[in-house]
Amino acid sequence: MVDSVLRPAGGKVAPGGPEATVQLIVFQLAGEDYGVRIEQVREVTVTPEVARMPKTPAFIKGIINLRGDIIAVIDLEERFGLVPAGRPLPAHSYTVAVEAAEYTIGLAVRDVPRPMRISAAAIEAAPEFLQDSGQRERYLEGIAKLPDNSVIIVLDMRKLLMASEILRLPN
């Protein structure tokens, strides 16, 4: 795995010690980069066979057996309203198994997730207008600004689902 270390403008490490960094697992949703802190990721794997579950929201694609644990797999593109609901998973996808306090859940992604190390200072709070605009933004940890002028939307997986949605997870 190749980690890229990104430094704040000027590219200098502060005197007195190494710069604080954050490791992310980065993946694309609807053509945009999203990331989660590596501490929240249990593993990344090719998606095994998904068993559809009745009476679950369309963004919950079903359940998988991941090393003996049954976990729900969700499609974040649908959850965030980036694509129409009810779209099937492709024949080949990846699952990013993430852990929150109350649950472990699989995120279905279509491209290979990649690790990335960035400066902690590169992650800024999401702008106020995003924080106030609706439920999607309540689980944004922040926006990582990269030296090439691109951004990564950093998610806080512990806040991804509402309590009512957690209760509906198959498990």
N, C-alpha and C. Protein backbone atom coordinates (compact mmCIF):
# COMPACT_ATOMS: atom_id res chain seq x y z
N MET A 1 0.84 -1.18 0.00
CA MET A 1 0.00 0.00 0.00
C MET A 1 0.88 1.24 0.00
N VAL A 2 0.49 2.19 -0.76
CA VAL A 2 1.24 3.43 -0.84
C VAL A 2 0.43 4.50 -0.13
N ASP A 3 1.02 5.09 0.91
CA ASP A 3 0.38 6.20 1.60
C ASP A 3 0.96 7.49 1.04
N SER A 4 0.12 8.47 0.83
CA SER A 4 0.64 9.76 0.43
C SER A 4 0.50 10.69 1.62
N VAL A 5 1.57 11.35 1.98
CA VAL A 5 1.54 12.27 3.10
C VAL A 5 1.32 13.66 2.54
N LEU A 6 0.29 14.30 3.00
CA LEU A 6 -0.05 15.63 2.52
C LEU A 6 0.26 16.63 3.62
N ARG A 7 0.87 17.70 3.26
CA ARG A 7 1.28 18.71 4.23
C ARG A 7 0.50 19.99 3.99
N PRO A 8 0.32 20.80 5.04
CA PRO A 8 -0.38 22.06 4.85
C PRO A 8 0.41 22.99 3.95
N ALA A 9 -0.22 24.07 3.53
CA ALA A 9 0.43 25.04 2.65
C ALA A 9 1.81 25.37 3.20
N GLY A 10 2.79 25.40 2.34
CA GLY A 10 4.16 25.64 2.76
C GLY A 10 4.94 24.36 2.91
N GLY A 11 4.24 23.25 3.18
CA GLY A 11 4.86 21.94 3.21
C GLY A 11 5.85 21.70 4.33
N LYS A 12 5.84 22.50 5.39
CA LYS A 12 6.83 22.35 6.46
C LYS A 12 6.20 21.66 7.65
N VAL A 13 7.02 20.86 8.30
CA VAL A 13 6.59 20.22 9.53
C VAL A 13 6.90 21.18 10.67
N ALA A 14 5.97 21.30 11.61
CA ALA A 14 6.16 22.22 12.73
C ALA A 14 7.37 21.81 13.55
N PRO A 15 8.13 22.79 14.04
CA PRO A 15 9.28 22.46 14.87
C PRO A 15 8.83 21.75 16.13
N GLY A 16 9.69 20.90 16.65
CA GLY A 16 9.38 20.22 17.89
C GLY A 16 8.73 18.87 17.71
N GLY A 17 8.57 18.38 16.50
CA GLY A 17 8.02 17.04 16.34
C GLY A 17 7.31 16.86 15.03
N PRO A 18 6.95 15.63 14.77
CA PRO A 18 6.27 15.34 13.51
C PRO A 18 4.86 15.91 13.52
N GLU A 19 4.40 16.19 12.34
CA GLU A 19 3.06 16.73 12.15
C GLU A 19 2.03 15.62 12.38
N ALA A 20 0.90 15.97 12.99
CA ALA A 20 -0.17 15.01 13.22
C ALA A 20 -0.80 14.63 11.88
N THR A 21 -0.96 13.33 11.68
CA THR A 21 -1.58 12.85 10.45
C THR A 21 -2.79 11.99 10.78
N VAL A 22 -3.62 11.82 9.78
CA VAL A 22 -4.82 11.01 9.87
C VAL A 22 -4.77 10.02 8.72
N GLN A 23 -5.12 8.77 9.00
CA GLN A 23 -5.21 7.78 7.94
C GLN A 23 -6.67 7.58 7.59
N LEU A 24 -6.95 7.64 6.30
CA LEU A 24 -8.31 7.46 5.79
C LEU A 24 -8.35 6.27 4.85
N ILE A 25 -9.51 5.66 4.74
CA ILE A 25 -9.82 4.75 3.64
C ILE A 25 -10.73 5.57 2.74
N VAL A 26 -10.28 5.78 1.49
CA VAL A 26 -10.97 6.67 0.55
C VAL A 26 -11.63 5.83 -0.54
N PHE A 27 -12.85 6.20 -0.88
CA PHE A 27 -13.60 5.51 -1.93
C PHE A 27 -14.45 6.55 -2.66
N GLN A 28 -14.94 6.16 -3.82
CA GLN A 28 -15.76 7.09 -4.60
C GLN A 28 -17.23 6.74 -4.48
N LEU A 29 -18.02 7.79 -4.38
CA LEU A 29 -19.47 7.69 -4.44
C LEU A 29 -19.92 8.70 -5.47
N ALA A 30 -20.58 8.23 -6.51
CA ALA A 30 -21.08 9.09 -7.58
C ALA A 30 -19.99 10.04 -8.10
N GLY A 31 -18.78 9.52 -8.23
CA GLY A 31 -17.68 10.28 -8.81
C GLY A 31 -16.95 11.22 -7.86
N GLU A 32 -17.33 11.27 -6.60
CA GLU A 32 -16.68 12.14 -5.62
C GLU A 32 -15.95 11.28 -4.59
N ASP A 33 -14.86 11.82 -4.04
CA ASP A 33 -14.09 11.09 -3.03
C ASP A 33 -14.68 11.29 -1.64
N TYR A 34 -14.87 10.17 -0.96
CA TYR A 34 -15.32 10.15 0.43
C TYR A 34 -14.31 9.34 1.21
N GLY A 35 -14.20 9.60 2.49
CA GLY A 35 -13.26 8.85 3.30
C GLY A 35 -13.79 8.65 4.70
N VAL A 36 -13.28 7.59 5.33
CA VAL A 36 -13.55 7.33 6.75
C VAL A 36 -12.22 7.08 7.43
N ARG A 37 -12.13 7.47 8.67
CA ARG A 37 -10.91 7.24 9.43
C ARG A 37 -10.65 5.74 9.54
N ILE A 38 -9.40 5.38 9.41
CA ILE A 38 -9.04 3.96 9.40
C ILE A 38 -9.41 3.28 10.72
N GLU A 39 -9.44 4.04 11.81
CA GLU A 39 -9.81 3.45 13.10
C GLU A 39 -11.24 2.93 13.10
N GLN A 40 -12.08 3.45 12.21
CA GLN A 40 -13.47 3.03 12.13
C GLN A 40 -13.65 1.85 11.16
N VAL A 41 -12.59 1.47 10.45
CA VAL A 41 -12.68 0.40 9.45
C VAL A 41 -12.16 -0.91 10.02
N ARG A 42 -13.00 -1.90 9.97
CA ARG A 42 -12.60 -3.24 10.42
C ARG A 42 -11.83 -3.96 9.33
N GLU A 43 -12.34 -3.92 8.10
CA GLU A 43 -11.65 -4.54 6.96
C GLU A 43 -12.29 -4.10 5.67
N VAL A 44 -11.56 -4.34 4.57
CA VAL A 44 -12.05 -4.10 3.22
C VAL A 44 -11.94 -5.42 2.49
N THR A 45 -13.01 -5.83 1.82
CA THR A 45 -13.02 -7.12 1.15
C THR A 45 -13.88 -7.06 -0.11
N VAL A 46 -13.66 -8.02 -1.00
CA VAL A 46 -14.57 -8.19 -2.13
C VAL A 46 -15.91 -8.60 -1.54
N THR A 47 -16.99 -8.02 -2.02
CA THR A 47 -18.31 -8.30 -1.46
C THR A 47 -18.70 -9.75 -1.72
N PRO A 48 -18.96 -10.50 -0.63
CA PRO A 48 -19.47 -11.87 -0.82
C PRO A 48 -20.94 -11.82 -1.24
N GLU A 49 -21.54 -12.96 -1.39
CA GLU A 49 -22.95 -13.02 -1.79
C GLU A 49 -23.82 -12.29 -0.78
N VAL A 50 -24.69 -11.43 -1.29
CA VAL A 50 -25.57 -10.62 -0.44
C VAL A 50 -26.95 -11.24 -0.44
N ALA A 51 -27.48 -11.52 0.75
CA ALA A 51 -28.84 -12.04 0.89
C ALA A 51 -29.77 -10.87 1.18
N ARG A 52 -30.74 -10.64 0.31
CA ARG A 52 -31.69 -9.53 0.46
C ARG A 52 -32.58 -9.78 1.66
N MET A 53 -32.88 -8.72 2.40
CA MET A 53 -33.74 -8.83 3.58
C MET A 53 -35.04 -8.08 3.33
N PRO A 54 -36.17 -8.70 3.69
CA PRO A 54 -37.46 -8.02 3.50
C PRO A 54 -37.64 -6.88 4.50
N LYS A 55 -38.48 -5.93 4.13
CA LYS A 55 -38.89 -4.83 4.99
C LYS A 55 -37.73 -3.98 5.51
N THR A 56 -36.74 -3.78 4.65
CA THR A 56 -35.64 -2.87 4.98
C THR A 56 -35.64 -1.77 3.93
N PRO A 57 -35.08 -0.61 4.28
CA PRO A 57 -35.01 0.47 3.28
C PRO A 57 -34.21 0.02 2.06
N ALA A 58 -34.49 0.63 0.91
CA ALA A 58 -33.83 0.26 -0.35
C ALA A 58 -32.32 0.39 -0.27
N PHE A 59 -31.81 1.33 0.54
CA PHE A 59 -30.36 1.50 0.60
C PHE A 59 -29.67 0.38 1.37
N ILE A 60 -30.42 -0.42 2.13
CA ILE A 60 -29.85 -1.61 2.78
C ILE A 60 -29.97 -2.74 1.76
N LYS A 61 -28.85 -3.15 1.22
CA LYS A 61 -28.83 -4.12 0.13
C LYS A 61 -29.03 -5.55 0.60
N GLY A 62 -28.84 -5.80 1.89
CA GLY A 62 -29.03 -7.14 2.44
C GLY A 62 -27.98 -7.40 3.50
N ILE A 63 -27.72 -8.69 3.70
CA ILE A 63 -26.75 -9.10 4.71
C ILE A 63 -25.69 -9.99 4.08
N ILE A 64 -24.52 -9.99 4.71
CA ILE A 64 -23.44 -10.89 4.29
C ILE A 64 -22.87 -11.58 5.51
N ASN A 65 -22.23 -12.71 5.25
CA ASN A 65 -21.50 -13.43 6.28
C ASN A 65 -20.04 -13.01 6.12
N LEU A 66 -19.56 -12.21 7.05
CA LEU A 66 -18.19 -11.71 6.98
C LEU A 66 -17.39 -12.36 8.11
N ARG A 67 -16.66 -13.40 7.77
CA ARG A 67 -15.83 -14.14 8.73
C ARG A 67 -16.63 -14.59 9.95
N GLY A 68 -17.84 -15.07 9.70
CA GLY A 68 -18.68 -15.60 10.77
C GLY A 68 -19.62 -14.59 11.38
N ASP A 69 -19.48 -13.31 11.05
CA ASP A 69 -20.39 -12.28 11.55
C ASP A 69 -21.37 -11.90 10.45
N ILE A 70 -22.64 -11.81 10.80
CA ILE A 70 -23.66 -11.37 9.86
C ILE A 70 -23.77 -9.85 9.99
N ILE A 71 -23.51 -9.14 8.87
CA ILE A 71 -23.61 -7.68 8.90
C ILE A 71 -24.46 -7.20 7.73
N ALA A 72 -25.10 -6.07 7.93
CA ALA A 72 -25.90 -5.45 6.87
C ALA A 72 -24.97 -4.69 5.93
N VAL A 73 -25.32 -4.69 4.64
CA VAL A 73 -24.57 -3.95 3.63
C VAL A 73 -25.46 -2.83 3.12
N ILE A 74 -24.91 -1.60 3.15
CA ILE A 74 -25.69 -0.47 2.66
C ILE A 74 -24.98 0.17 1.47
N ASP A 75 -25.79 0.80 0.65
CA ASP A 75 -25.29 1.54 -0.51
C ASP A 75 -25.37 3.02 -0.15
N LEU A 76 -24.21 3.63 0.15
CA LEU A 76 -24.20 5.04 0.55
C LEU A 76 -24.67 5.97 -0.55
N GLU A 77 -24.45 5.60 -1.82
CA GLU A 77 -24.94 6.45 -2.90
C GLU A 77 -26.45 6.59 -2.81
N GLU A 78 -27.14 5.50 -2.51
CA GLU A 78 -28.59 5.57 -2.32
C GLU A 78 -28.95 6.27 -1.02
N ARG A 79 -28.22 5.95 0.04
CA ARG A 79 -28.50 6.55 1.36
C ARG A 79 -28.41 8.07 1.29
N PHE A 80 -27.44 8.57 0.52
CA PHE A 80 -27.24 10.01 0.40
C PHE A 80 -28.09 10.63 -0.70
N GLY A 81 -28.85 9.82 -1.45
CA GLY A 81 -29.68 10.36 -2.53
C GLY A 81 -28.88 10.78 -3.74
N LEU A 82 -27.71 10.18 -3.95
CA LEU A 82 -26.86 10.53 -5.09
C LEU A 82 -27.27 9.78 -6.35
N VAL A 83 -27.97 8.67 -6.19
CA VAL A 83 -28.46 7.86 -7.31
C VAL A 83 -29.89 7.43 -6.98
N PRO A 84 -30.64 6.99 -7.98
CA PRO A 84 -32.01 6.52 -7.71
C PRO A 84 -32.01 5.30 -6.78
N ALA A 85 -33.03 5.20 -5.96
CA ALA A 85 -33.17 4.08 -5.02
C ALA A 85 -33.49 2.79 -5.76
N GLY A 86 -33.12 1.68 -5.16
CA GLY A 86 -33.46 0.38 -5.69
C GLY A 86 -32.49 -0.19 -6.70
N ARG A 87 -31.39 0.47 -6.93
CA ARG A 87 -30.39 0.01 -7.89
C ARG A 87 -29.67 -1.22 -7.32
N PRO A 88 -29.53 -2.29 -8.10
CA PRO A 88 -28.83 -3.47 -7.59
C PRO A 88 -27.32 -3.24 -7.52
N LEU A 89 -26.67 -3.99 -6.64
CA LEU A 89 -25.21 -3.94 -6.58
C LEU A 89 -24.65 -4.56 -7.85
N PRO A 90 -23.51 -4.08 -8.33
CA PRO A 90 -22.90 -4.73 -9.49
C PRO A 90 -22.41 -6.13 -9.14
N ALA A 91 -22.12 -6.93 -10.15
CA ALA A 91 -21.65 -8.29 -9.92
C ALA A 91 -20.36 -8.31 -9.11
N HIS A 92 -19.54 -7.27 -9.25
CA HIS A 92 -18.27 -7.19 -8.51
C HIS A 92 -18.20 -5.85 -7.79
N SER A 93 -18.19 -5.90 -6.47
CA SER A 93 -18.06 -4.67 -5.67
C SER A 93 -17.20 -4.99 -4.45
N TYR A 94 -16.94 -3.97 -3.67
CA TYR A 94 -16.15 -4.12 -2.46
C TYR A 94 -16.98 -3.71 -1.26
N THR A 95 -16.67 -4.29 -0.12
CA THR A 95 -17.35 -3.93 1.11
C THR A 95 -16.33 -3.38 2.08
N VAL A 96 -16.60 -2.19 2.58
CA VAL A 96 -15.79 -1.58 3.64
C VAL A 96 -16.57 -1.81 4.93
N ALA A 97 -16.09 -2.73 5.77
CA ALA A 97 -16.77 -3.02 7.03
C ALA A 97 -16.33 -1.98 8.05
N VAL A 98 -17.28 -1.20 8.55
CA VAL A 98 -16.98 -0.14 9.51
C VAL A 98 -17.68 -0.44 10.83
N GLU A 99 -17.04 0.02 11.90
CA GLU A 99 -17.58 -0.23 13.23
C GLU A 99 -17.97 1.07 13.90
N ALA A 100 -19.15 1.06 14.44
CA ALA A 100 -19.61 2.16 15.29
C ALA A 100 -19.92 1.53 16.65
N ALA A 101 -20.29 2.33 17.62
CA ALA A 101 -20.51 1.81 18.98
C ALA A 101 -21.59 0.73 19.01
N GLU A 102 -22.68 0.94 18.26
CA GLU A 102 -23.82 0.03 18.35
C GLU A 102 -23.88 -1.02 17.25
N TYR A 103 -23.05 -0.89 16.22
CA TYR A 103 -23.20 -1.79 15.08
C TYR A 103 -21.92 -1.86 14.25
N THR A 104 -21.82 -2.94 13.47
CA THR A 104 -20.84 -3.04 12.39
C THR A 104 -21.66 -3.11 11.13
N ILE A 105 -21.26 -2.36 10.14
CA ILE A 105 -22.03 -2.30 8.90
C ILE A 105 -21.07 -2.34 7.72
N GLY A 106 -21.53 -2.88 6.61
CA GLY A 106 -20.73 -2.91 5.40
C GLY A 106 -21.17 -1.82 4.45
N LEU A 107 -20.20 -1.08 3.92
CA LEU A 107 -20.48 -0.07 2.91
C LEU A 107 -20.13 -0.64 1.56
N ALA A 108 -21.10 -0.74 0.67
CA ALA A 108 -20.84 -1.25 -0.68
C ALA A 108 -20.25 -0.13 -1.52
N VAL A 109 -19.09 -0.38 -2.10
CA VAL A 109 -18.46 0.59 -3.00
C VAL A 109 -18.09 -0.12 -4.29
N ARG A 110 -18.11 0.62 -5.38
CA ARG A 110 -17.92 0.01 -6.70
C ARG A 110 -16.47 -0.06 -7.15
N ASP A 111 -15.62 0.81 -6.60
CA ASP A 111 -14.21 0.83 -6.96
C ASP A 111 -13.36 0.43 -5.76
N VAL A 112 -12.14 0.04 -6.00
CA VAL A 112 -11.25 -0.39 -4.93
C VAL A 112 -10.98 0.79 -3.98
N PRO A 113 -11.30 0.63 -2.69
CA PRO A 113 -10.97 1.68 -1.73
C PRO A 113 -9.45 1.77 -1.57
N ARG A 114 -8.95 2.96 -1.26
CA ARG A 114 -7.50 3.13 -1.14
C ARG A 114 -7.16 3.83 0.17
N PRO A 115 -6.04 3.44 0.76
CA PRO A 115 -5.62 4.13 1.98
C PRO A 115 -4.95 5.45 1.63
N MET A 116 -5.07 6.42 2.52
CA MET A 116 -4.42 7.70 2.31
C MET A 116 -4.09 8.30 3.67
N ARG A 117 -2.91 8.86 3.77
CA ARG A 117 -2.50 9.56 4.99
C ARG A 117 -2.48 11.05 4.66
N ILE A 118 -3.17 11.82 5.49
CA ILE A 118 -3.21 13.27 5.26
C ILE A 118 -2.89 13.99 6.56
N SER A 119 -2.53 15.23 6.45
CA SER A 119 -2.31 16.07 7.61
C SER A 119 -3.64 16.28 8.33
N ALA A 120 -3.62 16.17 9.64
CA ALA A 120 -4.84 16.42 10.42
C ALA A 120 -5.33 17.85 10.18
N ALA A 121 -4.41 18.77 9.93
CA ALA A 121 -4.78 20.16 9.69
C ALA A 121 -5.50 20.34 8.35
N ALA A 122 -5.41 19.35 7.46
CA ALA A 122 -6.07 19.46 6.16
C ALA A 122 -7.58 19.24 6.27
N ILE A 123 -8.04 18.66 7.38
CA ILE A 123 -9.48 18.41 7.57
C ILE A 123 -10.08 19.60 8.29
N GLU A 124 -11.00 20.26 7.60
CA GLU A 124 -11.68 21.42 8.18
C GLU A 124 -13.14 21.06 8.42
N ALA A 125 -13.73 21.72 9.38
CA ALA A 125 -15.16 21.52 9.63
C ALA A 125 -15.93 21.85 8.37
N ALA A 126 -17.00 21.11 8.14
CA ALA A 126 -17.84 21.40 6.98
C ALA A 126 -18.40 22.80 7.12
N PRO A 127 -18.52 23.53 6.02
CA PRO A 127 -19.06 24.89 6.10
C PRO A 127 -20.43 24.92 6.77
N GLU A 128 -20.71 26.01 7.44
CA GLU A 128 -21.94 26.18 8.19
C GLU A 128 -23.18 25.90 7.35
N PHE A 129 -23.19 26.37 6.10
CA PHE A 129 -24.38 26.17 5.27
C PHE A 129 -24.63 24.69 4.98
N LEU A 130 -23.60 23.87 4.98
CA LEU A 130 -23.80 22.42 4.81
C LEU A 130 -24.31 21.78 6.09
N GLN A 131 -23.78 22.22 7.21
CA GLN A 131 -24.18 21.64 8.49
C GLN A 131 -25.66 21.87 8.78
N ASP A 132 -26.20 22.96 8.30
CA ASP A 132 -27.58 23.29 8.60
C ASP A 132 -28.58 22.80 7.55
N SER A 133 -28.10 22.23 6.46
CA SER A 133 -29.01 21.98 5.35
C SER A 133 -29.79 20.69 5.42
N GLY A 134 -29.47 19.78 6.31
CA GLY A 134 -30.29 18.58 6.39
C GLY A 134 -29.57 17.41 7.01
N GLN A 135 -30.23 16.27 7.00
CA GLN A 135 -29.74 15.11 7.72
C GLN A 135 -28.45 14.54 7.13
N ARG A 136 -28.22 14.64 5.84
CA ARG A 136 -27.02 14.07 5.24
C ARG A 136 -25.76 14.63 5.90
N GLU A 137 -25.77 15.90 6.24
CA GLU A 137 -24.57 16.54 6.73
C GLU A 137 -24.29 16.29 8.20
N ARG A 138 -25.20 15.74 8.95
CA ARG A 138 -24.94 15.55 10.38
C ARG A 138 -23.84 14.54 10.62
N TYR A 139 -23.53 13.70 9.65
CA TYR A 139 -22.44 12.74 9.84
C TYR A 139 -21.20 13.09 9.03
N LEU A 140 -21.08 14.34 8.65
CA LEU A 140 -19.84 14.82 8.05
C LEU A 140 -18.88 15.18 9.18
N GLU A 141 -17.71 14.55 9.18
CA GLU A 141 -16.68 14.97 10.12
C GLU A 141 -16.06 16.27 9.63
N GLY A 142 -15.87 16.35 8.33
CA GLY A 142 -15.29 17.56 7.77
C GLY A 142 -14.94 17.37 6.31
N ILE A 143 -14.24 18.35 5.78
CA ILE A 143 -13.80 18.33 4.38
C ILE A 143 -12.28 18.40 4.39
N ALA A 144 -11.64 17.44 3.75
CA ALA A 144 -10.18 17.45 3.64
C ALA A 144 -9.80 18.15 2.34
N LYS A 145 -9.02 19.21 2.46
CA LYS A 145 -8.55 19.95 1.29
C LYS A 145 -7.15 19.44 0.95
N LEU A 146 -6.99 18.97 -0.29
CA LEU A 146 -5.72 18.41 -0.72
C LEU A 146 -4.92 19.42 -1.52
N PRO A 147 -3.60 19.24 -1.58
CA PRO A 147 -2.75 20.20 -2.30
C PRO A 147 -3.10 20.35 -3.78
N ASP A 148 -3.68 19.33 -4.40
CA ASP A 148 -4.04 19.43 -5.82
C ASP A 148 -5.39 20.11 -6.03
N ASN A 149 -5.92 20.74 -4.99
CA ASN A 149 -7.20 21.46 -4.99
C ASN A 149 -8.42 20.55 -5.03
N SER A 150 -8.22 19.25 -4.86
CA SER A 150 -9.37 18.36 -4.74
C SER A 150 -9.77 18.27 -3.27
N VAL A 151 -10.91 17.65 -3.02
CA VAL A 151 -11.39 17.49 -1.64
C VAL A 151 -11.82 16.05 -1.41
N ILE A 152 -11.80 15.68 -0.14
CA ILE A 152 -12.34 14.40 0.29
C ILE A 152 -13.37 14.72 1.37
N ILE A 153 -14.57 14.21 1.21
CA ILE A 153 -15.62 14.39 2.21
C ILE A 153 -15.40 13.31 3.26
N VAL A 154 -15.06 13.73 4.48
CA VAL A 154 -14.73 12.79 5.55
C VAL A 154 -15.99 12.53 6.37
N LEU A 155 -16.37 11.26 6.44
CA LEU A 155 -17.59 10.84 7.13
C LEU A 155 -17.28 10.36 8.54
N ASP A 156 -18.17 10.60 9.46
CA ASP A 156 -18.09 10.03 10.80
C ASP A 156 -19.09 8.89 10.84
N MET A 157 -18.58 7.68 10.70
CA MET A 157 -19.46 6.51 10.57
C MET A 157 -20.29 6.26 11.82
N ARG A 158 -19.84 6.76 12.97
CA ARG A 158 -20.62 6.56 14.19
C ARG A 158 -21.94 7.30 14.14
N LYS A 159 -22.07 8.27 13.24
CA LYS A 159 -23.29 9.07 13.15
C LYS A 159 -24.06 8.81 11.85
N LEU A 160 -23.68 7.78 11.12
CA LEU A 160 -24.28 7.52 9.81
C LEU A 160 -25.76 7.21 9.87
N LEU A 161 -26.15 6.36 10.82
CA LEU A 161 -27.55 5.93 10.89
C LEU A 161 -28.25 6.52 12.10
N MET A 162 -29.53 6.80 11.94
CA MET A 162 -30.35 7.26 13.06
C MET A 162 -30.72 6.05 13.90
N ALA A 163 -31.10 6.28 15.15
CA ALA A 163 -31.46 5.19 16.06
C ALA A 163 -32.55 4.30 15.46
N SER A 164 -33.54 4.90 14.82
CA SER A 164 -34.64 4.11 14.23
C SER A 164 -34.11 3.21 13.10
N GLU A 165 -33.10 3.68 12.36
CA GLU A 165 -32.52 2.87 11.30
C GLU A 165 -31.67 1.74 11.87
N ILE A 166 -30.97 2.01 12.96
CA ILE A 166 -30.15 0.97 13.60
C ILE A 166 -31.05 -0.17 14.06
N LEU A 167 -32.21 0.16 14.62
CA LEU A 167 -33.13 -0.87 15.08
C LEU A 167 -33.65 -1.73 13.93
N ARG A 168 -33.68 -1.20 12.72
CA ARG A 168 -34.17 -1.95 11.56
C ARG A 168 -33.10 -2.79 10.87
N LEU A 169 -31.84 -2.65 11.33
CA LEU A 169 -30.77 -3.44 10.72
C LEU A 169 -30.98 -4.91 11.02
N PRO A 170 -30.77 -5.77 10.02
CA PRO A 170 -30.84 -7.20 10.28
C PRO A 170 -29.62 -7.61 11.11
N ASN A 171 -29.82 -8.21 12.23
CA ASN A 171 -28.72 -8.68 13.07
C ASN A 171 -29.26 -9.29 14.32
